[in-house]
């Protein structure tokens, strides 16, 4: 069962401005990644469901977060159907992120008052997601659309909260473009938690990058 309501999760997403995301089949490595992000000030993590037995890995990581990392909000991304969403919510997922707009996922998440963020690529999809109760829409793939698209959406719909994923990097130029356009937060994967960093087990560097990126976002949002 989720530890946090959708409103609480949306509030932390807005406050932090960044949702790190990653997948790895090694539970112990995953714990170290989580701890580094947590020590850097991160309080959100999207575990991407992209490998065999990913649900087992997530279950162990969420148990670890609940026990050892108070305030860490674990969610799951790359969820493609309602059955998978239900399974992950049984394992305590606090939010569900999808690559596309799926109304069946909206129903099961809303039933449990769990935040869901569908991947959308048009104003029509974004509007439909909001009609289905979406708090924060995922713009995906973000790099395809860019900040100009966000600015265009915010014109007729200033109430829309957008989280671009893909095409986001922890540089001032990149993040300034997104936040100046009006995004609520950004999703960041390999540009933040790189394969090289994982291979080198450089968790101190990850902690530092997370801390610096969160500080940068805070300055940009002022």
C-alpha atoms as a PDB file:
ATOM      1  CA  UNK A   1       0.000   0.000   0.000  1.00  0.00           C
ATOM      2  CA  UNK A   2       1.232   3.502  -0.826  1.00  0.00           C
ATOM      3  CA  UNK A   3       2.681   5.520   2.052  1.00  0.00           C
ATOM      4  CA  UNK A   4       1.824   8.851   0.421  1.00  0.00           C
ATOM      5  CA  UNK A   5      -1.344  10.189  -1.221  1.00  0.00           C
ATOM      6  CA  UNK A   6      -1.296  11.557  -4.760  1.00  0.00           C
ATOM      7  CA  UNK A   7      -1.580  15.106  -3.425  1.00  0.00           C
ATOM      8  CA  UNK A   8       1.423  14.589  -1.122  1.00  0.00           C
ATOM      9  CA  UNK A   9       3.470  13.125  -3.988  1.00  0.00           C
ATOM     10  CA  UNK A  10       2.516  15.942  -6.359  1.00  0.00           C
ATOM     11  CA  UNK A  11       3.530  18.470  -3.694  1.00  0.00           C
ATOM     12  CA  UNK A  12       6.989  16.905  -3.289  1.00  0.00           C
ATOM     13  CA  UNK A  13       7.430  16.734  -7.076  1.00  0.00           C
ATOM     14  CA  UNK A  14       6.660  20.439  -7.307  1.00  0.00           C
ATOM     15  CA  UNK A  15       8.925  21.283  -4.358  1.00  0.00           C
ATOM     16  CA  UNK A  16      11.926  19.212  -5.484  1.00  0.00           C
ATOM     17  CA  UNK A  17      11.511  19.854  -9.201  1.00  0.00           C
ATOM     18  CA  UNK A  18      13.240  16.594 -10.185  1.00  0.00           C
ATOM     19  CA  UNK A  19      12.384  12.901 -10.300  1.00  0.00           C
ATOM     20  CA  UNK A  20      15.463  10.683 -10.790  1.00  0.00           C
ATOM     21  CA  UNK A  21      14.778   7.405 -12.589  1.00  0.00           C
ATOM     22  CA  UNK A  22      16.738   4.229 -13.082  1.00  0.00           C
ATOM     23  CA  UNK A  23      16.582   0.452 -13.404  1.00  0.00           C
ATOM     24  CA  UNK A  24      19.062  -2.212 -12.422  1.00  0.00           C
ATOM     25  CA  UNK A  25      18.496  -5.863 -11.630  1.00  0.00           C
ATOM     26  CA  UNK A  26      21.003  -5.851  -8.745  1.00  0.00           C
ATOM     27  CA  UNK A  27      19.141  -5.060  -5.520  1.00  0.00           C
ATOM     28  CA  UNK A  28      22.250  -4.160  -3.518  1.00  0.00           C
ATOM     29  CA  UNK A  29      23.462  -1.808  -6.229  1.00  0.00           C
ATOM     30  CA  UNK A  30      19.999  -0.279  -6.325  1.00  0.00           C
ATOM     31  CA  UNK A  31      20.148   0.375  -2.596  1.00  0.00           C
ATOM     32  CA  UNK A  32      23.416   2.254  -3.019  1.00  0.00           C
ATOM     33  CA  UNK A  33      21.947   4.347  -5.825  1.00  0.00           C
ATOM     34  CA  UNK A  34      18.933   5.151  -3.647  1.00  0.00           C
ATOM     35  CA  UNK A  35      21.122   6.059  -0.672  1.00  0.00           C
ATOM     36  CA  UNK A  36      23.332   8.352  -2.774  1.00  0.00           C
ATOM     37  CA  UNK A  37      20.290  10.187  -4.172  1.00  0.00           C
ATOM     38  CA  UNK A  38      18.788  10.425  -0.691  1.00  0.00           C
ATOM     39  CA  UNK A  39      22.012  11.759   0.830  1.00  0.00           C
ATOM     40  CA  UNK A  40      22.109  14.326  -1.974  1.00  0.00           C
ATOM     41  CA  UNK A  41      18.683  15.588  -0.895  1.00  0.00           C
ATOM     42  CA  UNK A  42      16.504  13.633  -3.329  1.00  0.00           C
ATOM     43  CA  UNK A  43      13.183  12.453  -1.941  1.00  0.00           C
ATOM     44  CA  UNK A  44      11.736  10.867  -5.086  1.00  0.00           C
ATOM     45  CA  UNK A  45      12.785   7.890  -7.178  1.00  0.00           C
ATOM     46  CA  UNK A  46      11.116   6.391 -10.235  1.00  0.00           C
ATOM     47  CA  UNK A  47      12.141   2.760 -10.635  1.00  0.00           C
ATOM     48  CA  UNK A  48      11.667   1.927 -14.312  1.00  0.00           C
ATOM     49  CA  UNK A  49      10.038  -1.469 -14.859  1.00  0.00           C
ATOM     50  CA  UNK A  50      12.116  -2.654 -17.777  1.00  0.00           C
ATOM     51  CA  UNK A  51      13.619  -6.000 -16.869  1.00  0.00           C
ATOM     52  CA  UNK A  52      12.582  -9.532 -15.939  1.00  0.00           C
ATOM     53  CA  UNK A  53      11.456  -9.825 -12.310  1.00  0.00           C
ATOM     54  CA  UNK A  54      11.609  -6.038 -11.976  1.00  0.00           C
ATOM     55  CA  UNK A  55       8.707  -6.172  -9.524  1.00  0.00           C
ATOM     56  CA  UNK A  56      10.778  -8.314  -7.143  1.00  0.00           C
ATOM     57  CA  UNK A  57      13.636  -5.815  -7.247  1.00  0.00           C
ATOM     58  CA  UNK A  58      11.269  -2.915  -6.637  1.00  0.00           C
ATOM     59  CA  UNK A  59       9.702  -4.686  -3.661  1.00  0.00           C
ATOM     60  CA  UNK A  60      13.080  -5.057  -1.984  1.00  0.00           C
ATOM     61  CA  UNK A  61      14.118  -1.481  -2.749  1.00  0.00           C
ATOM     62  CA  UNK A  62      10.860  -0.088  -1.401  1.00  0.00           C
ATOM     63  CA  UNK A  63      11.208  -2.098   1.821  1.00  0.00           C
ATOM     64  CA  UNK A  64      14.715  -0.683   2.184  1.00  0.00           C
ATOM     65  CA  UNK A  65      13.520   2.877   1.562  1.00  0.00           C
ATOM     66  CA  UNK A  66      10.689   2.579   4.098  1.00  0.00           C
ATOM     67  CA  UNK A  67      13.037   1.189   6.749  1.00  0.00           C
ATOM     68  CA  UNK A  68      16.225   3.170   6.154  1.00  0.00           C
ATOM     69  CA  UNK A  69      15.355   6.311   4.165  1.00  0.00           C
ATOM     70  CA  UNK A  70      12.499   8.200   5.868  1.00  0.00           C
ATOM     71  CA  UNK A  71      10.674  10.486   3.477  1.00  0.00           C
ATOM     72  CA  UNK A  72      11.910   8.760   0.304  1.00  0.00           C
ATOM     73  CA  UNK A  73       8.971   8.381  -2.086  1.00  0.00           C
ATOM     74  CA  UNK A  74       9.326   5.378  -4.376  1.00  0.00           C
ATOM     75  CA  UNK A  75       7.336   5.057  -7.593  1.00  0.00           C
ATOM     76  CA  UNK A  76       7.461   2.961 -10.756  1.00  0.00           C
ATOM     77  CA  UNK A  77       7.810   3.996 -14.390  1.00  0.00           C
ATOM     78  CA  UNK A  78       7.438   2.292 -17.776  1.00  0.00           C
ATOM     79  CA  UNK A  79       4.172   0.713 -16.598  1.00  0.00           C
ATOM     80  CA  UNK A  80       2.154  -0.375 -19.623  1.00  0.00           C
ATOM     81  CA  UNK A  81      -1.102  -1.862 -18.292  1.00  0.00           C
ATOM     82  CA  UNK A  82      -3.482  -1.821 -15.340  1.00  0.00           C
ATOM     83  CA  UNK A  83      -2.416  -5.255 -14.078  1.00  0.00           C
ATOM     84  CA  UNK A  84       1.197  -4.147 -13.733  1.00  0.00           C
ATOM     85  CA  UNK A  85       0.115  -0.907 -12.040  1.00  0.00           C
ATOM     86  CA  UNK A  86      -1.980  -2.886  -9.541  1.00  0.00           C
ATOM     87  CA  UNK A  87       0.904  -5.247  -8.822  1.00  0.00           C
ATOM     88  CA  UNK A  88       3.305  -2.394  -8.116  1.00  0.00           C
ATOM     89  CA  UNK A  89       0.771  -0.634  -5.905  1.00  0.00           C
ATOM     90  CA  UNK A  90       0.473  -3.861  -3.902  1.00  0.00           C
ATOM     91  CA  UNK A  91       4.239  -3.559  -3.408  1.00  0.00           C
ATOM     92  CA  UNK A  92       3.829  -0.008  -2.117  1.00  0.00           C
ATOM     93  CA  UNK A  93       4.428   2.151  -5.197  1.00  0.00           C
ATOM     94  CA  UNK A  94       3.533   5.741  -4.344  1.00  0.00           C
ATOM     95  CA  UNK A  95       3.186   6.839  -7.960  1.00  0.00           C
ATOM     96  CA  UNK A  96       2.872   5.233 -11.381  1.00  0.00           C
ATOM     97  CA  UNK A  97       4.424   6.668 -14.556  1.00  0.00           C
ATOM     98  CA  UNK A  98       3.492   5.397 -18.008  1.00  0.00           C
ATOM     99  CA  UNK A  99       4.980   5.935 -21.494  1.00  0.00           C
ATOM    100  CA  UNK A 100       1.515   6.481 -22.997  1.00  0.00           C
ATOM    101  CA  UNK A 101      -1.966   7.563 -21.932  1.00  0.00           C
ATOM    102  CA  UNK A 102      -3.822   4.467 -20.695  1.00  0.00           C
ATOM    103  CA  UNK A 103      -7.281   4.957 -19.251  1.00  0.00           C
ATOM    104  CA  UNK A 104      -7.265   1.523 -17.588  1.00  0.00           C
ATOM    105  CA  UNK A 105      -4.250   2.612 -15.532  1.00  0.00           C
ATOM    106  CA  UNK A 106      -6.021   5.838 -14.576  1.00  0.00           C
ATOM    107  CA  UNK A 107      -8.932   3.836 -13.161  1.00  0.00           C
ATOM    108  CA  UNK A 108      -6.874   1.524 -10.940  1.00  0.00           C
ATOM    109  CA  UNK A 109      -4.639   4.339  -9.667  1.00  0.00           C
ATOM    110  CA  UNK A 110      -7.535   6.700  -8.952  1.00  0.00           C
ATOM    111  CA  UNK A 111      -9.297   3.919  -7.059  1.00  0.00           C
ATOM    112  CA  UNK A 112      -6.384   3.891  -4.597  1.00  0.00           C
ATOM    113  CA  UNK A 113      -5.724   7.647  -4.784  1.00  0.00           C
ATOM    114  CA  UNK A 114      -2.225   6.966  -6.132  1.00  0.00           C
ATOM    115  CA  UNK A 115      -0.659   9.583  -8.400  1.00  0.00           C
ATOM    116  CA  UNK A 116      -0.279   8.485 -12.023  1.00  0.00           C
ATOM    117  CA  UNK A 117       1.591  10.422 -14.671  1.00  0.00           C
ATOM    118  CA  UNK A 118       0.904   9.352 -18.278  1.00  0.00           C
ATOM    119  CA  UNK A 119       3.216  10.048 -21.202  1.00  0.00           C
ATOM    120  CA  UNK A 120       1.477  12.549 -23.492  1.00  0.00           C
ATOM    121  CA  UNK A 121       2.541  14.219 -26.726  1.00  0.00           C
ATOM    122  CA  UNK A 122      -0.351  16.478 -27.689  1.00  0.00           C
ATOM    123  CA  UNK A 123      -2.681  19.013 -26.121  1.00  0.00           C
ATOM    124  CA  UNK A 124      -5.575  16.623 -26.737  1.00  0.00           C
ATOM    125  CA  UNK A 125      -3.858  13.827 -24.790  1.00  0.00           C
ATOM    126  CA  UNK A 126      -2.889  16.212 -22.001  1.00  0.00           C
ATOM    127  CA  UNK A 127      -6.450  17.473 -21.688  1.00  0.00           C
ATOM    128  CA  UNK A 128      -7.833  13.922 -21.624  1.00  0.00           C
ATOM    129  CA  UNK A 129      -5.329  12.941 -18.918  1.00  0.00           C
ATOM    130  CA  UNK A 130      -6.460  15.877 -16.789  1.00  0.00           C
ATOM    131  CA  UNK A 131     -10.109  14.949 -17.330  1.00  0.00           C
ATOM    132  CA  UNK A 132      -9.176  11.517 -15.961  1.00  0.00           C
ATOM    133  CA  UNK A 133      -7.728  13.103 -12.818  1.00  0.00           C
ATOM    134  CA  UNK A 134      -4.035  13.450 -13.673  1.00  0.00           C
ATOM    135  CA  UNK A 135      -2.174  15.922 -11.432  1.00  0.00           C
ATOM    136  CA  UNK A 136       1.143  16.059 -13.319  1.00  0.00           C
ATOM    137  CA  UNK A 137       1.394  15.087 -16.987  1.00  0.00           C
ATOM    138  CA  UNK A 138       4.548  13.467 -18.311  1.00  0.00           C
ATOM    139  CA  UNK A 139       5.742  15.024 -21.577  1.00  0.00           C
ATOM    140  CA  UNK A 140       7.402  12.177 -23.443  1.00  0.00           C
ATOM    141  CA  UNK A 141       9.757  12.043 -25.170  1.00  0.00           C
ATOM    142  CA  UNK A 142      10.623  15.480 -23.834  1.00  0.00           C
ATOM    143  CA  UNK A 143      13.561  16.067 -26.149  1.00  0.00           C
ATOM    144  CA  UNK A 144      11.323  15.693 -29.194  1.00  0.00           C
ATOM    145  CA  UNK A 145       9.060  18.541 -28.096  1.00  0.00           C
ATOM    146  CA  UNK A 146      11.323  20.834 -26.053  1.00  0.00           C
ATOM    147  CA  UNK A 147      10.559  23.862 -23.867  1.00  0.00           C
ATOM    148  CA  UNK A 148       8.804  25.690 -26.723  1.00  0.00           C
ATOM    149  CA  UNK A 149       6.059  23.047 -26.693  1.00  0.00           C
ATOM    150  CA  UNK A 150       5.610  23.480 -22.935  1.00  0.00           C
ATOM    151  CA  UNK A 151       5.331  27.240 -23.323  1.00  0.00           C
ATOM    152  CA  UNK A 152       2.689  26.727 -26.022  1.00  0.00           C
ATOM    153  CA  UNK A 153       0.639  24.452 -23.748  1.00  0.00           C
ATOM    154  CA  UNK A 154       0.851  26.802 -20.769  1.00  0.00           C
ATOM    155  CA  UNK A 155      -0.666  29.615 -22.841  1.00  0.00           C
ATOM    156  CA  UNK A 156      -4.212  28.247 -23.163  1.00  0.00           C
ATOM    157  CA  UNK A 157      -3.855  25.962 -20.119  1.00  0.00           C
ATOM    158  CA  UNK A 158      -1.840  27.724 -17.385  1.00  0.00           C
ATOM    159  CA  UNK A 159      -3.175  25.230 -14.832  1.00  0.00           C
ATOM    160  CA  UNK A 160      -1.454  22.278 -16.516  1.00  0.00           C
ATOM    161  CA  UNK A 161       1.473  20.735 -14.608  1.00  0.00           C
ATOM    162  CA  UNK A 162       4.091  19.160 -16.877  1.00  0.00           C
ATOM    163  CA  UNK A 163       7.052  16.839 -16.222  1.00  0.00           C
ATOM    164  CA  UNK A 164       9.260  16.356 -19.286  1.00  0.00           C
ATOM    165  CA  UNK A 165      11.228  13.104 -19.368  1.00  0.00           C
ATOM    166  CA  UNK A 166      13.869  12.487 -22.017  1.00  0.00           C
ATOM    167  CA  UNK A 167      15.951  15.358 -23.316  1.00  0.00           C
ATOM    168  CA  UNK A 168      16.660  16.589 -19.779  1.00  0.00           C
ATOM    169  CA  UNK A 169      20.187  16.944 -18.411  1.00  0.00           C
ATOM    170  CA  UNK A 170      21.629  18.424 -15.186  1.00  0.00           C
ATOM    171  CA  UNK A 171      23.122  21.494 -16.890  1.00  0.00           C
ATOM    172  CA  UNK A 172      22.056  25.056 -16.171  1.00  0.00           C
ATOM    173  CA  UNK A 173      21.320  25.784 -19.828  1.00  0.00           C
ATOM    174  CA  UNK A 174      19.069  22.752 -20.214  1.00  0.00           C
ATOM    175  CA  UNK A 175      17.199  23.142 -16.934  1.00  0.00           C
ATOM    176  CA  UNK A 176      16.768  26.887 -17.342  1.00  0.00           C
ATOM    177  CA  UNK A 177      15.049  26.289 -20.678  1.00  0.00           C
ATOM    178  CA  UNK A 178      12.574  23.877 -19.134  1.00  0.00           C
ATOM    179  CA  UNK A 179      11.775  25.832 -15.973  1.00  0.00           C
ATOM    180  CA  UNK A 180      11.565  29.158 -17.799  1.00  0.00           C
ATOM    181  CA  UNK A 181       8.946  27.479 -20.013  1.00  0.00           C
ATOM    182  CA  UNK A 182       6.906  26.595 -16.935  1.00  0.00           C
ATOM    183  CA  UNK A 183       7.471  22.906 -16.130  1.00  0.00           C
ATOM    184  CA  UNK A 184       6.564  21.702 -12.643  1.00  0.00           C
ATOM    185  CA  UNK A 185       9.399  19.194 -12.466  1.00  0.00           C
ATOM    186  CA  UNK A 186      11.649  17.121 -14.721  1.00  0.00           C
ATOM    187  CA  UNK A 187      12.335  13.407 -14.973  1.00  0.00           C
ATOM    188  CA  UNK A 188      15.998  12.565 -15.370  1.00  0.00           C
ATOM    189  CA  UNK A 189      17.550   9.160 -16.030  1.00  0.00           C
ATOM    190  CA  UNK A 190      20.857   8.334 -17.704  1.00  0.00           C
ATOM    191  CA  UNK A 191      22.046  11.948 -17.761  1.00  0.00           C
ATOM    192  CA  UNK A 192      21.920  11.885 -13.963  1.00  0.00           C
ATOM    193  CA  UNK A 193      22.574   8.215 -13.145  1.00  0.00           C
ATOM    194  CA  UNK A 194      24.904   7.233 -15.988  1.00  0.00           C
ATOM    195  CA  UNK A 195      26.111   3.763 -16.967  1.00  0.00           C
ATOM    196  CA  UNK A 196      29.664   4.937 -16.312  1.00  0.00           C
ATOM    197  CA  UNK A 197      28.790   6.052 -12.796  1.00  0.00           C
ATOM    198  CA  UNK A 198      27.136   2.707 -12.075  1.00  0.00           C
ATOM    199  CA  UNK A 199      30.049   0.760 -13.561  1.00  0.00           C
ATOM    200  CA  UNK A 200      32.546   2.743 -11.484  1.00  0.00           C
ATOM    201  CA  UNK A 201      30.333   2.591  -8.379  1.00  0.00           C
ATOM    202  CA  UNK A 202      30.982   6.293  -7.887  1.00  0.00           C
ATOM    203  CA  UNK A 203      28.167   6.935  -5.439  1.00  0.00           C
ATOM    204  CA  UNK A 204      29.815  10.023  -3.950  1.00  0.00           C
ATOM    205  CA  UNK A 205      29.761  11.633  -7.394  1.00  0.00           C
ATOM    206  CA  UNK A 206      26.060  10.803  -7.728  1.00  0.00           C
ATOM    207  CA  UNK A 207      25.321  12.313  -4.336  1.00  0.00           C
ATOM    208  CA  UNK A 208      27.160  15.490  -5.360  1.00  0.00           C
ATOM    209  CA  UNK A 209      25.401  15.716  -8.729  1.00  0.00           C
ATOM    210  CA  UNK A 210      21.950  15.247  -7.170  1.00  0.00           C
ATOM    211  CA  UNK A 211      22.672  17.904  -4.549  1.00  0.00           C
ATOM    212  CA  UNK A 212      23.994  20.402  -7.099  1.00  0.00           C
ATOM    213  CA  UNK A 213      21.090  19.763  -9.490  1.00  0.00           C
ATOM    214  CA  UNK A 214      18.464  20.248  -6.774  1.00  0.00           C
ATOM    215  CA  UNK A 215      20.180  23.471  -5.680  1.00  0.00           C
ATOM    216  CA  UNK A 216      20.265  24.674  -9.284  1.00  0.00           C
ATOM    217  CA  UNK A 217      16.574  23.912  -9.782  1.00  0.00           C
ATOM    218  CA  UNK A 218      15.704  25.781  -6.607  1.00  0.00           C
ATOM    219  CA  UNK A 219      17.536  28.855  -7.883  1.00  0.00           C
ATOM    220  CA  UNK A 220      15.897  28.624 -11.316  1.00  0.00           C
ATOM    221  CA  UNK A 221      12.413  28.406  -9.810  1.00  0.00           C
ATOM    222  CA  UNK A 222      12.773  31.652  -7.836  1.00  0.00           C
END
